[in-house]
N, C-alpha and C. Protein backbone atom coordinates (compact mmCIF):
# COMPACT_ATOMS: atom_id res chain seq x y z
N MET A 1 46.24 32.85 -2.13
CA MET A 1 47.21 32.77 -1.03
C MET A 1 46.50 32.40 0.26
N SER A 2 47.03 31.47 1.01
CA SER A 2 46.40 31.04 2.26
C SER A 2 47.08 31.69 3.46
N HIS A 3 46.28 31.86 4.52
CA HIS A 3 46.75 32.51 5.75
C HIS A 3 46.26 31.66 6.92
N THR A 4 47.16 31.30 7.82
CA THR A 4 46.79 30.56 9.02
C THR A 4 46.65 31.54 10.18
N VAL A 5 45.48 31.52 10.81
CA VAL A 5 45.21 32.45 11.91
C VAL A 5 44.73 31.69 13.14
N LYS A 6 45.06 32.22 14.29
CA LYS A 6 44.66 31.60 15.55
C LYS A 6 43.31 32.15 15.99
N ILE A 7 42.46 31.28 16.51
CA ILE A 7 41.17 31.70 17.06
C ILE A 7 41.41 32.31 18.44
N LYS A 8 40.91 33.54 18.63
CA LYS A 8 41.09 34.25 19.89
C LYS A 8 39.91 34.07 20.83
N ASP A 9 38.70 33.90 20.25
CA ASP A 9 37.50 33.77 21.09
C ASP A 9 36.38 33.14 20.29
N VAL A 10 35.54 32.39 20.97
CA VAL A 10 34.33 31.80 20.38
C VAL A 10 33.16 32.21 21.26
N HIS A 11 32.11 32.77 20.62
CA HIS A 11 30.97 33.28 21.40
C HIS A 11 29.67 32.73 20.84
N ARG A 12 28.76 32.35 21.71
CA ARG A 12 27.45 31.83 21.31
C ARG A 12 26.51 32.98 21.01
N GLU A 13 25.96 33.02 19.78
CA GLU A 13 25.01 34.07 19.38
C GLU A 13 23.57 33.59 19.51
N THR A 14 23.28 32.39 19.02
CA THR A 14 21.96 31.76 19.17
C THR A 14 22.21 30.29 19.51
N HIS A 15 21.13 29.51 19.56
CA HIS A 15 21.27 28.10 19.91
C HIS A 15 22.15 27.34 18.93
N ASP A 16 22.27 27.81 17.68
CA ASP A 16 23.09 27.10 16.70
C ASP A 16 23.99 28.03 15.88
N VAL A 17 24.24 29.21 16.37
CA VAL A 17 25.12 30.16 15.69
C VAL A 17 26.24 30.60 16.64
N ARG A 18 27.46 30.59 16.13
CA ARG A 18 28.62 31.02 16.93
C ARG A 18 29.35 32.14 16.19
N SER A 19 29.96 33.05 16.94
CA SER A 19 30.86 34.02 16.34
C SER A 19 32.28 33.62 16.72
N PHE A 20 33.18 33.75 15.75
CA PHE A 20 34.58 33.37 15.91
C PHE A 20 35.44 34.60 15.68
N ILE A 21 36.23 34.96 16.68
CA ILE A 21 37.17 36.07 16.57
C ILE A 21 38.55 35.48 16.33
N THR A 22 39.22 35.92 15.26
CA THR A 22 40.54 35.38 14.94
C THR A 22 41.56 36.49 14.77
N GLU A 23 42.79 36.09 14.72
CA GLU A 23 43.85 37.01 14.35
C GLU A 23 43.59 37.52 12.93
N LYS A 24 44.20 38.65 12.60
CA LYS A 24 44.09 39.21 11.25
C LYS A 24 45.48 39.25 10.63
N PRO A 25 45.65 38.61 9.46
CA PRO A 25 46.97 38.63 8.83
C PRO A 25 47.42 40.04 8.49
N SER A 26 48.68 40.30 8.53
CA SER A 26 49.23 41.60 8.20
C SER A 26 48.90 41.96 6.75
N GLY A 27 48.36 43.17 6.57
CA GLY A 27 48.03 43.64 5.23
C GLY A 27 46.74 43.08 4.66
N TYR A 28 46.03 42.29 5.43
CA TYR A 28 44.79 41.67 4.95
C TYR A 28 43.69 42.73 4.88
N SER A 29 43.03 42.86 3.72
CA SER A 29 42.06 43.93 3.52
C SER A 29 40.84 43.42 2.77
N PHE A 30 39.67 43.92 3.16
CA PHE A 30 38.43 43.48 2.50
C PHE A 30 37.42 44.62 2.52
N ILE A 31 36.37 44.45 1.73
CA ILE A 31 35.26 45.40 1.66
C ILE A 31 34.08 44.79 2.40
N PRO A 32 33.34 45.58 3.21
CA PRO A 32 32.16 45.02 3.91
C PRO A 32 31.23 44.31 2.93
N GLY A 33 30.85 43.09 3.29
CA GLY A 33 30.02 42.26 2.42
C GLY A 33 30.80 41.11 1.82
N GLN A 34 32.14 41.24 1.81
CA GLN A 34 32.96 40.17 1.25
C GLN A 34 33.20 39.06 2.27
N GLY A 35 33.71 37.94 1.78
CA GLY A 35 34.04 36.81 2.63
C GLY A 35 35.28 36.11 2.10
N THR A 36 35.51 34.90 2.58
CA THR A 36 36.66 34.13 2.14
C THR A 36 36.38 32.64 2.34
N GLN A 37 37.22 31.82 1.75
CA GLN A 37 37.15 30.38 2.00
C GLN A 37 37.87 30.08 3.31
N VAL A 38 37.25 29.26 4.14
CA VAL A 38 37.79 28.94 5.47
C VAL A 38 37.91 27.44 5.63
N ALA A 39 39.03 27.00 6.17
CA ALA A 39 39.22 25.60 6.55
C ALA A 39 39.75 25.56 7.98
N ILE A 40 39.62 24.39 8.60
CA ILE A 40 40.11 24.21 9.98
C ILE A 40 41.49 23.57 9.92
N ASN A 41 42.44 24.12 10.63
CA ASN A 41 43.81 23.60 10.60
C ASN A 41 43.95 22.41 11.57
N LYS A 42 43.27 21.33 11.21
CA LYS A 42 43.36 20.08 11.96
C LYS A 42 43.46 18.93 10.97
N ASP A 43 44.07 17.83 11.39
CA ASP A 43 44.26 16.68 10.51
C ASP A 43 42.95 16.27 9.85
N GLY A 44 42.97 16.19 8.52
CA GLY A 44 41.80 15.74 7.77
C GLY A 44 40.86 16.85 7.37
N TRP A 45 41.05 18.07 7.89
CA TRP A 45 40.13 19.17 7.60
C TRP A 45 40.80 20.35 6.89
N GLU A 46 42.10 20.27 6.66
CA GLU A 46 42.83 21.40 6.08
C GLU A 46 42.37 21.76 4.67
N ASP A 47 41.87 20.77 3.93
CA ASP A 47 41.45 21.01 2.54
C ASP A 47 39.94 21.13 2.39
N GLU A 48 39.22 21.08 3.50
CA GLU A 48 37.75 21.19 3.47
C GLU A 48 37.35 22.65 3.64
N GLN A 49 37.34 23.40 2.55
CA GLN A 49 37.05 24.83 2.60
C GLN A 49 35.56 25.11 2.45
N ARG A 50 35.10 26.14 3.16
CA ARG A 50 33.72 26.61 3.02
C ARG A 50 33.74 28.15 3.03
N PRO A 51 32.80 28.78 2.31
CA PRO A 51 32.79 30.24 2.26
C PRO A 51 32.07 30.85 3.47
N PHE A 52 32.71 31.81 4.11
CA PHE A 52 32.10 32.55 5.21
C PHE A 52 32.42 34.03 5.07
N THR A 53 31.53 34.86 5.61
CA THR A 53 31.62 36.31 5.44
C THR A 53 32.30 36.97 6.63
N PHE A 54 33.08 38.02 6.34
CA PHE A 54 33.65 38.82 7.43
C PHE A 54 32.55 39.66 8.07
N CYS A 55 32.45 39.61 9.39
CA CYS A 55 31.48 40.44 10.11
C CYS A 55 32.15 41.57 10.86
N SER A 56 33.47 41.52 10.95
CA SER A 56 34.23 42.62 11.52
C SER A 56 34.39 43.70 10.45
N LEU A 57 34.99 44.82 10.82
CA LEU A 57 35.25 45.89 9.88
C LEU A 57 36.72 45.87 9.46
N ASN A 58 36.99 46.43 8.31
CA ASN A 58 38.35 46.36 7.76
C ASN A 58 39.37 47.02 8.68
N ASP A 59 38.97 48.04 9.43
CA ASP A 59 39.90 48.74 10.32
C ASP A 59 40.16 47.99 11.62
N ASP A 60 39.36 46.97 11.92
CA ASP A 60 39.57 46.19 13.14
C ASP A 60 40.89 45.43 13.04
N ASP A 61 41.50 45.16 14.18
CA ASP A 61 42.76 44.40 14.18
C ASP A 61 42.51 42.91 14.38
N TYR A 62 41.29 42.48 14.13
CA TYR A 62 40.91 41.07 14.22
C TYR A 62 39.91 40.79 13.11
N LEU A 63 39.62 39.52 12.88
CA LEU A 63 38.55 39.11 11.97
C LEU A 63 37.45 38.44 12.78
N GLU A 64 36.21 38.64 12.35
CA GLU A 64 35.08 37.97 13.00
C GLU A 64 34.23 37.28 11.94
N PHE A 65 33.85 36.05 12.23
CA PHE A 65 32.92 35.29 11.40
C PHE A 65 31.74 34.86 12.25
N VAL A 66 30.52 35.03 11.75
CA VAL A 66 29.32 34.55 12.43
C VAL A 66 28.80 33.38 11.61
N ILE A 67 28.78 32.19 12.21
CA ILE A 67 28.58 30.96 11.44
C ILE A 67 27.50 30.09 12.08
N LYS A 68 26.59 29.60 11.25
CA LYS A 68 25.58 28.66 11.72
C LYS A 68 26.18 27.26 11.76
N ILE A 69 25.98 26.58 12.88
CA ILE A 69 26.55 25.26 13.10
C ILE A 69 25.50 24.19 12.77
N TYR A 70 25.84 23.32 11.83
CA TYR A 70 24.95 22.21 11.47
C TYR A 70 25.53 20.94 12.11
N SER A 71 24.94 20.54 13.23
CA SER A 71 25.49 19.42 13.99
C SER A 71 24.86 18.08 13.62
N ASP A 72 23.96 18.09 12.60
CA ASP A 72 23.29 16.85 12.22
C ASP A 72 24.13 15.99 11.28
N HIS A 73 25.27 16.50 10.82
CA HIS A 73 26.20 15.69 10.04
C HIS A 73 27.61 16.19 10.28
N ASP A 74 28.59 15.32 10.07
CA ASP A 74 29.97 15.65 10.43
C ASP A 74 30.64 16.43 9.31
N GLY A 75 30.22 17.68 9.14
CA GLY A 75 30.81 18.55 8.15
C GLY A 75 31.65 19.63 8.80
N VAL A 76 32.02 20.62 8.00
CA VAL A 76 32.91 21.68 8.49
C VAL A 76 32.28 22.47 9.63
N THR A 77 30.99 22.85 9.51
CA THR A 77 30.42 23.67 10.58
C THR A 77 30.27 22.86 11.87
N ASN A 78 30.00 21.56 11.76
CA ASN A 78 29.94 20.73 12.96
C ASN A 78 31.30 20.74 13.66
N GLN A 79 32.37 20.65 12.87
CA GLN A 79 33.71 20.72 13.45
C GLN A 79 34.00 22.09 14.04
N LEU A 80 33.51 23.14 13.37
CA LEU A 80 33.69 24.49 13.90
C LEU A 80 33.00 24.65 15.25
N GLY A 81 31.90 23.92 15.43
CA GLY A 81 31.21 23.96 16.71
C GLY A 81 32.02 23.37 17.85
N LYS A 82 33.12 22.69 17.51
CA LYS A 82 33.96 22.04 18.52
C LYS A 82 35.28 22.77 18.76
N VAL A 83 35.61 23.76 17.91
CA VAL A 83 36.91 24.43 18.08
C VAL A 83 36.88 25.36 19.28
N GLU A 84 38.07 25.69 19.77
CA GLU A 84 38.21 26.53 20.96
C GLU A 84 39.27 27.59 20.71
N SER A 85 39.35 28.53 21.61
CA SER A 85 40.42 29.53 21.55
C SER A 85 41.77 28.81 21.50
N GLY A 86 42.63 29.28 20.60
CA GLY A 86 43.93 28.65 20.43
C GLY A 86 44.01 27.74 19.23
N ASP A 87 42.87 27.23 18.78
CA ASP A 87 42.85 26.46 17.54
C ASP A 87 43.07 27.39 16.36
N GLU A 88 43.30 26.82 15.16
CA GLU A 88 43.64 27.65 14.01
C GLU A 88 42.70 27.41 12.83
N LEU A 89 42.51 28.47 12.05
CA LEU A 89 41.78 28.39 10.79
C LEU A 89 42.72 28.75 9.65
N ILE A 90 42.40 28.26 8.45
CA ILE A 90 43.16 28.59 7.25
C ILE A 90 42.24 29.40 6.34
N LEU A 91 42.66 30.61 5.99
CA LEU A 91 41.85 31.53 5.19
C LEU A 91 42.49 31.76 3.83
N ASP A 92 41.65 31.95 2.81
CA ASP A 92 42.12 32.42 1.52
C ASP A 92 42.03 33.94 1.48
N ASP A 93 42.33 34.52 0.32
CA ASP A 93 42.16 35.96 0.15
C ASP A 93 40.67 36.29 0.06
N PRO A 94 40.27 37.54 0.34
CA PRO A 94 38.85 37.95 0.30
C PRO A 94 38.28 37.91 -1.11
N TRP A 95 36.98 37.68 -1.19
CA TRP A 95 36.25 37.73 -2.45
C TRP A 95 34.78 37.99 -2.12
N GLY A 96 33.97 38.25 -3.15
CA GLY A 96 32.54 38.38 -2.93
C GLY A 96 31.91 39.49 -3.74
N ALA A 97 30.63 39.29 -4.08
CA ALA A 97 29.91 40.22 -4.96
C ALA A 97 28.93 41.13 -4.23
N ILE A 98 28.63 40.83 -2.96
CA ILE A 98 27.66 41.65 -2.25
C ILE A 98 28.38 42.86 -1.65
N GLN A 99 28.30 43.97 -2.36
CA GLN A 99 28.92 45.20 -1.90
C GLN A 99 27.90 46.33 -1.93
N TYR A 100 28.02 47.24 -1.00
CA TYR A 100 27.07 48.33 -0.83
C TYR A 100 27.16 49.32 -1.99
N LYS A 101 26.02 49.60 -2.60
CA LYS A 101 25.97 50.53 -3.73
C LYS A 101 25.19 51.80 -3.40
N GLY A 102 24.52 51.80 -2.24
CA GLY A 102 23.72 52.94 -1.85
C GLY A 102 22.53 52.48 -1.04
N PRO A 103 21.79 53.42 -0.43
CA PRO A 103 20.66 53.06 0.42
C PRO A 103 19.67 52.14 -0.30
N GLY A 104 19.14 51.18 0.46
CA GLY A 104 18.19 50.26 -0.15
C GLY A 104 17.57 49.33 0.88
N VAL A 105 16.97 48.28 0.38
CA VAL A 105 16.29 47.29 1.21
C VAL A 105 17.11 46.00 1.19
N PHE A 106 17.45 45.52 2.38
CA PHE A 106 18.20 44.28 2.54
C PHE A 106 17.23 43.16 2.92
N LEU A 107 17.25 42.08 2.16
CA LEU A 107 16.34 40.95 2.38
C LEU A 107 17.18 39.72 2.70
N ALA A 108 17.04 39.19 3.91
CA ALA A 108 17.90 38.10 4.36
C ALA A 108 17.09 36.91 4.84
N GLY A 109 17.59 35.73 4.54
CA GLY A 109 16.99 34.50 5.04
C GLY A 109 17.98 33.78 5.93
N GLY A 110 17.68 33.67 7.22
CA GLY A 110 18.53 32.94 8.16
C GLY A 110 19.96 33.44 8.19
N ALA A 111 20.92 32.50 8.09
CA ALA A 111 22.34 32.87 8.14
C ALA A 111 22.76 33.70 6.93
N GLY A 112 21.87 33.87 5.95
CA GLY A 112 22.15 34.74 4.82
C GLY A 112 22.30 36.19 5.22
N VAL A 113 22.00 36.52 6.47
CA VAL A 113 22.16 37.90 6.94
C VAL A 113 23.64 38.26 7.14
N THR A 114 24.52 37.26 7.19
CA THR A 114 25.90 37.54 7.60
C THR A 114 26.64 38.53 6.69
N PRO A 115 26.46 38.52 5.35
CA PRO A 115 27.16 39.54 4.56
C PRO A 115 26.70 40.96 4.85
N PHE A 116 25.51 41.10 5.44
CA PHE A 116 24.97 42.43 5.72
C PHE A 116 25.49 43.00 7.04
N ILE A 117 26.02 42.13 7.92
CA ILE A 117 26.44 42.58 9.25
C ILE A 117 27.52 43.65 9.15
N ALA A 118 28.60 43.35 8.40
CA ALA A 118 29.69 44.32 8.29
C ALA A 118 29.24 45.57 7.54
N ILE A 119 28.34 45.40 6.56
CA ILE A 119 27.84 46.57 5.82
C ILE A 119 27.12 47.51 6.78
N PHE A 120 26.21 46.96 7.59
CA PHE A 120 25.47 47.79 8.53
C PHE A 120 26.39 48.40 9.60
N ARG A 121 27.31 47.60 10.11
CA ARG A 121 28.23 48.13 11.13
C ARG A 121 29.07 49.27 10.56
N ASP A 122 29.52 49.12 9.33
CA ASP A 122 30.33 50.15 8.69
C ASP A 122 29.52 51.44 8.48
N LEU A 123 28.29 51.29 7.97
CA LEU A 123 27.45 52.46 7.75
C LEU A 123 27.08 53.13 9.08
N HIS A 124 26.79 52.32 10.09
CA HIS A 124 26.44 52.86 11.41
C HIS A 124 27.60 53.65 12.00
N GLN A 125 28.80 53.11 11.87
CA GLN A 125 29.99 53.79 12.39
C GLN A 125 30.21 55.13 11.69
N LYS A 126 29.86 55.19 10.41
CA LYS A 126 30.06 56.41 9.62
C LYS A 126 28.87 57.36 9.69
N GLY A 127 27.79 56.94 10.38
CA GLY A 127 26.59 57.77 10.45
C GLY A 127 25.83 57.84 9.14
N LYS A 128 25.92 56.77 8.34
CA LYS A 128 25.30 56.77 7.01
C LYS A 128 24.29 55.64 6.82
N LEU A 129 23.70 55.20 7.93
CA LEU A 129 22.76 54.07 7.86
C LEU A 129 21.35 54.49 7.44
N MET A 130 21.05 55.77 7.58
CA MET A 130 19.72 56.28 7.25
C MET A 130 19.35 55.91 5.80
N GLY A 131 18.09 55.49 5.62
CA GLY A 131 17.60 55.15 4.29
C GLY A 131 17.72 53.68 3.94
N ASN A 132 18.29 52.90 4.88
CA ASN A 132 18.41 51.46 4.67
C ASN A 132 17.42 50.70 5.54
N LYS A 133 16.99 49.57 5.06
CA LYS A 133 15.98 48.77 5.76
C LYS A 133 16.36 47.30 5.66
N LEU A 134 16.12 46.55 6.74
CA LEU A 134 16.37 45.10 6.75
C LEU A 134 15.07 44.36 7.01
N ILE A 135 14.72 43.44 6.12
CA ILE A 135 13.61 42.51 6.33
C ILE A 135 14.24 41.13 6.45
N PHE A 136 14.07 40.52 7.62
CA PHE A 136 14.83 39.33 8.01
C PHE A 136 13.86 38.17 8.25
N SER A 137 14.04 37.09 7.50
CA SER A 137 13.18 35.92 7.63
C SER A 137 13.90 34.80 8.37
N ASN A 138 13.24 34.25 9.40
CA ASN A 138 13.77 33.12 10.15
C ASN A 138 12.67 32.12 10.45
N LYS A 139 13.05 30.92 10.83
CA LYS A 139 12.04 29.92 11.17
C LYS A 139 11.33 30.28 12.48
N THR A 140 12.12 30.60 13.51
CA THR A 140 11.56 30.91 14.83
C THR A 140 12.29 32.11 15.43
N GLU A 141 11.73 32.64 16.51
CA GLU A 141 12.33 33.79 17.18
C GLU A 141 13.75 33.48 17.66
N GLU A 142 13.99 32.27 18.14
CA GLU A 142 15.32 31.95 18.69
C GLU A 142 16.39 31.82 17.60
N ASP A 143 15.96 31.82 16.33
CA ASP A 143 16.92 31.74 15.23
C ASP A 143 17.46 33.11 14.80
N ILE A 144 16.89 34.20 15.31
CA ILE A 144 17.27 35.53 14.83
C ILE A 144 18.68 35.88 15.32
N ILE A 145 19.56 36.13 14.37
CA ILE A 145 20.96 36.45 14.67
C ILE A 145 21.10 37.95 14.95
N LEU A 146 21.79 38.29 16.03
CA LEU A 146 22.12 39.68 16.39
C LEU A 146 20.88 40.58 16.45
N TYR A 147 19.79 40.06 17.00
CA TYR A 147 18.55 40.84 17.07
C TYR A 147 18.77 42.19 17.74
N ASP A 148 19.40 42.19 18.91
CA ASP A 148 19.55 43.44 19.67
C ASP A 148 20.39 44.46 18.90
N GLU A 149 21.44 44.01 18.24
CA GLU A 149 22.29 44.95 17.52
C GLU A 149 21.57 45.54 16.31
N PHE A 150 20.86 44.71 15.56
CA PHE A 150 20.09 45.23 14.42
C PHE A 150 19.01 46.20 14.89
N GLU A 151 18.36 45.86 15.99
CA GLU A 151 17.31 46.72 16.54
C GLU A 151 17.90 48.08 16.95
N GLN A 152 19.07 48.03 17.56
CA GLN A 152 19.70 49.27 18.00
C GLN A 152 20.14 50.13 16.82
N MET A 153 20.65 49.49 15.78
CA MET A 153 21.14 50.24 14.62
C MET A 153 20.00 50.75 13.74
N LEU A 154 18.98 49.92 13.52
CA LEU A 154 17.98 50.20 12.50
C LEU A 154 16.63 50.67 13.03
N GLY A 155 16.32 50.35 14.28
CA GLY A 155 15.04 50.77 14.86
C GLY A 155 13.86 50.28 14.04
N ASP A 156 12.99 51.20 13.63
CA ASP A 156 11.78 50.83 12.89
C ASP A 156 12.07 50.30 11.49
N ASP A 157 13.30 50.42 11.05
CA ASP A 157 13.67 49.91 9.72
C ASP A 157 14.16 48.47 9.79
N PHE A 158 13.89 47.80 10.89
CA PHE A 158 14.23 46.38 11.08
C PHE A 158 12.94 45.60 11.24
N THR A 159 12.63 44.75 10.27
CA THR A 159 11.40 43.96 10.27
C THR A 159 11.75 42.48 10.28
N ASN A 160 11.07 41.73 11.15
CA ASN A 160 11.29 40.28 11.24
C ASN A 160 10.04 39.52 10.86
N THR A 161 10.23 38.42 10.14
CA THR A 161 9.12 37.52 9.86
C THR A 161 9.54 36.10 10.22
N LEU A 162 8.63 35.36 10.82
CA LEU A 162 8.89 33.99 11.24
C LEU A 162 8.04 33.04 10.41
N THR A 163 8.65 31.96 9.93
CA THR A 163 7.92 31.04 9.05
C THR A 163 7.32 29.84 9.79
N ARG A 164 7.81 29.55 11.00
CA ARG A 164 7.34 28.34 11.69
C ARG A 164 6.69 28.60 13.04
N GLU A 165 6.53 29.88 13.40
CA GLU A 165 5.77 30.19 14.60
C GLU A 165 5.17 31.58 14.47
N GLU A 166 4.09 31.79 15.20
CA GLU A 166 3.43 33.09 15.18
C GLU A 166 3.60 33.75 16.54
N LYS A 167 4.07 35.00 16.51
CA LYS A 167 4.29 35.74 17.75
C LYS A 167 3.91 37.19 17.52
N PRO A 168 3.41 37.86 18.56
CA PRO A 168 3.09 39.28 18.45
C PRO A 168 4.33 40.08 18.07
N THR A 169 4.14 41.12 17.33
CA THR A 169 5.16 42.07 16.86
C THR A 169 6.02 41.53 15.72
N TYR A 170 5.80 40.27 15.34
CA TYR A 170 6.52 39.71 14.20
C TYR A 170 5.55 39.44 13.06
N GLU A 171 6.04 39.60 11.83
CA GLU A 171 5.29 39.11 10.68
C GLU A 171 5.34 37.58 10.70
N HIS A 172 4.41 36.96 9.98
CA HIS A 172 4.41 35.51 9.89
C HIS A 172 4.39 35.10 8.43
N GLY A 173 5.28 34.16 8.07
CA GLY A 173 5.32 33.65 6.71
C GLY A 173 6.55 34.11 5.95
N ARG A 174 6.68 33.60 4.76
CA ARG A 174 7.83 33.94 3.92
C ARG A 174 7.71 35.37 3.40
N ILE A 175 8.83 35.94 3.02
CA ILE A 175 8.81 37.27 2.39
C ILE A 175 8.27 37.09 0.97
N ASP A 176 7.05 37.51 0.74
CA ASP A 176 6.42 37.34 -0.56
C ASP A 176 6.08 38.70 -1.16
N LYS A 177 5.38 38.68 -2.25
CA LYS A 177 5.06 39.92 -2.96
C LYS A 177 4.25 40.87 -2.08
N GLU A 178 3.29 40.31 -1.33
CA GLU A 178 2.43 41.14 -0.48
C GLU A 178 3.24 41.78 0.66
N MET A 179 4.16 41.03 1.25
CA MET A 179 4.96 41.59 2.33
C MET A 179 5.89 42.68 1.80
N LEU A 180 6.43 42.48 0.62
CA LEU A 180 7.27 43.51 0.02
C LEU A 180 6.48 44.79 -0.22
N GLN A 181 5.27 44.65 -0.71
CA GLN A 181 4.43 45.82 -0.97
C GLN A 181 4.07 46.54 0.33
N LYS A 182 3.95 45.79 1.43
CA LYS A 182 3.62 46.36 2.72
C LYS A 182 4.77 47.20 3.28
N TYR A 183 6.02 46.75 3.09
CA TYR A 183 7.15 47.40 3.75
C TYR A 183 8.04 48.21 2.82
N VAL A 184 7.81 48.12 1.53
CA VAL A 184 8.62 48.88 0.57
C VAL A 184 7.72 49.84 -0.18
N ASP A 185 7.97 51.13 -0.04
CA ASP A 185 7.10 52.11 -0.69
C ASP A 185 7.65 52.60 -2.03
N ASP A 186 8.86 52.17 -2.37
CA ASP A 186 9.47 52.61 -3.62
C ASP A 186 10.37 51.49 -4.14
N PHE A 187 10.05 50.95 -5.30
CA PHE A 187 10.84 49.85 -5.86
C PHE A 187 11.91 50.34 -6.83
N ASP A 188 12.05 51.65 -6.94
CA ASP A 188 13.13 52.23 -7.75
C ASP A 188 14.31 52.53 -6.83
N ARG A 189 14.93 51.46 -6.33
CA ARG A 189 16.03 51.61 -5.38
C ARG A 189 16.86 50.33 -5.39
N HIS A 190 17.90 50.32 -4.58
CA HIS A 190 18.75 49.12 -4.49
C HIS A 190 18.08 48.07 -3.61
N PHE A 191 18.28 46.81 -3.98
CA PHE A 191 17.84 45.68 -3.16
C PHE A 191 19.02 44.73 -3.02
N TYR A 192 19.22 44.25 -1.79
CA TYR A 192 20.32 43.33 -1.49
C TYR A 192 19.73 42.03 -0.97
N LEU A 193 20.04 40.92 -1.62
CA LEU A 193 19.43 39.63 -1.27
C LEU A 193 20.50 38.63 -0.85
N CYS A 194 20.24 37.90 0.22
CA CYS A 194 21.13 36.80 0.60
C CYS A 194 20.37 35.78 1.43
N GLY A 195 20.55 34.52 1.09
CA GLY A 195 19.88 33.43 1.79
C GLY A 195 19.97 32.18 0.94
N PRO A 196 19.16 31.16 1.24
CA PRO A 196 19.14 29.97 0.39
C PRO A 196 18.83 30.33 -1.06
N MET A 197 19.32 29.53 -1.99
CA MET A 197 19.20 29.85 -3.41
C MET A 197 17.75 30.10 -3.84
N GLN A 198 16.82 29.25 -3.39
CA GLN A 198 15.43 29.44 -3.79
C GLN A 198 14.85 30.72 -3.21
N PHE A 199 15.25 31.07 -2.01
CA PHE A 199 14.86 32.33 -1.37
C PHE A 199 15.25 33.51 -2.25
N VAL A 200 16.50 33.49 -2.71
CA VAL A 200 17.01 34.59 -3.55
C VAL A 200 16.29 34.63 -4.89
N LEU A 201 16.12 33.47 -5.52
CA LEU A 201 15.47 33.43 -6.83
C LEU A 201 14.02 33.90 -6.75
N ASP A 202 13.31 33.46 -5.71
CA ASP A 202 11.90 33.87 -5.55
C ASP A 202 11.80 35.38 -5.34
N LEU A 203 12.66 35.93 -4.48
CA LEU A 203 12.60 37.36 -4.20
C LEU A 203 13.00 38.18 -5.42
N LYS A 204 13.97 37.71 -6.16
CA LYS A 204 14.38 38.42 -7.38
C LYS A 204 13.20 38.51 -8.35
N THR A 205 12.45 37.41 -8.48
CA THR A 205 11.27 37.41 -9.36
C THR A 205 10.20 38.36 -8.84
N HIS A 206 9.91 38.31 -7.53
CA HIS A 206 8.91 39.21 -6.94
C HIS A 206 9.30 40.68 -7.18
N LEU A 207 10.56 40.99 -6.94
CA LEU A 207 11.01 42.38 -7.07
C LEU A 207 10.91 42.87 -8.51
N GLU A 208 11.29 42.03 -9.45
CA GLU A 208 11.19 42.41 -10.86
C GLU A 208 9.74 42.61 -11.27
N ASN A 209 8.86 41.75 -10.75
CA ASN A 209 7.43 41.89 -11.06
C ASN A 209 6.84 43.17 -10.45
N LEU A 210 7.47 43.65 -9.36
CA LEU A 210 6.99 44.87 -8.70
C LEU A 210 7.66 46.13 -9.26
N GLY A 211 8.51 45.96 -10.25
CA GLY A 211 9.08 47.11 -10.92
C GLY A 211 10.53 47.42 -10.61
N ALA A 212 11.17 46.58 -9.79
CA ALA A 212 12.58 46.82 -9.48
C ALA A 212 13.44 46.54 -10.71
N GLU A 213 14.44 47.37 -10.90
CA GLU A 213 15.36 47.18 -12.02
C GLU A 213 16.33 46.03 -11.69
N THR A 214 16.50 45.13 -12.64
CA THR A 214 17.38 43.99 -12.42
C THR A 214 18.78 44.41 -12.01
N ASP A 215 19.29 45.50 -12.59
CA ASP A 215 20.63 45.96 -12.29
C ASP A 215 20.77 46.49 -10.87
N GLU A 216 19.64 46.78 -10.20
CA GLU A 216 19.66 47.30 -8.84
C GLU A 216 19.53 46.20 -7.79
N ILE A 217 19.40 44.95 -8.25
CA ILE A 217 19.26 43.83 -7.32
C ILE A 217 20.63 43.17 -7.15
N VAL A 218 21.18 43.24 -5.93
CA VAL A 218 22.53 42.76 -5.64
C VAL A 218 22.43 41.43 -4.89
N PHE A 219 23.10 40.43 -5.42
CA PHE A 219 23.11 39.13 -4.73
C PHE A 219 24.36 38.36 -5.14
N GLU A 220 24.71 37.33 -4.38
CA GLU A 220 25.89 36.50 -4.67
C GLU A 220 25.50 35.46 -5.69
N ASN A 221 26.24 35.41 -6.82
CA ASN A 221 25.99 34.38 -7.83
C ASN A 221 26.51 33.03 -7.37
C-alpha cells in the first residue's frame, strides 16, 4: 500500500547528507531499524523507488529519513537534494530485517548507520542503551553523520575510524580483525552490521573467525 506524505522540513546534517521530516500517515507503524521504499511525487519520479530507513521513533507524529545525497548522477538522491518543504514523497509499508535483539556491537559504514539511529534513540529514551557500542567507519571527519548525538548518547562506547585521513582521537583504516579485537572484549554477543555489501561481508567473515555465532550477526540481506 502506498502513502503520499508532505515534506515538512529539510535539514543539512553533513556536506552531503540531509534529514527529511515528513507527515506520518494515520495508523502507520514500524519497528526501530526498519525502513520503506520511497519515491518522489513529481513527474517522472513517482515509480523510482529507493529503500530508506526511518530515523524517527514510532511514537513520533512525523517521519524522519536521513539520506546521503549523490549529486554526481541524476538519480533519486540527487532529486531529493532539490526537494523543499511542501513537496511530497510516496512511501510503501514498512519492512526490514535489522531489528534489536539485545545489547551488542553495532558496526556501520557511512550512510549504513541510518538503521541504527532509531534503535539508539529508542533505547536512549527508554534508558536501556547501556551495553551497546557503535564502531563507525567513514572516509573523512566531515562525513560522520550525527556525531554530536551519538557522542551524547554513547560516550566512550562510540568509536570512529577514518579511511582517507588521519586525525587525533580517531582510528585510521577500515574496521578489520585487529580493530575488532581492540574494541570488542567478548565475541559471544550480538553484532549488527550495515553498510556497503563488501563491508558487511568482510565484517561477517572477521566476526565468525573471531568466534562470533552466525545466528548472532544481524544484517540486511
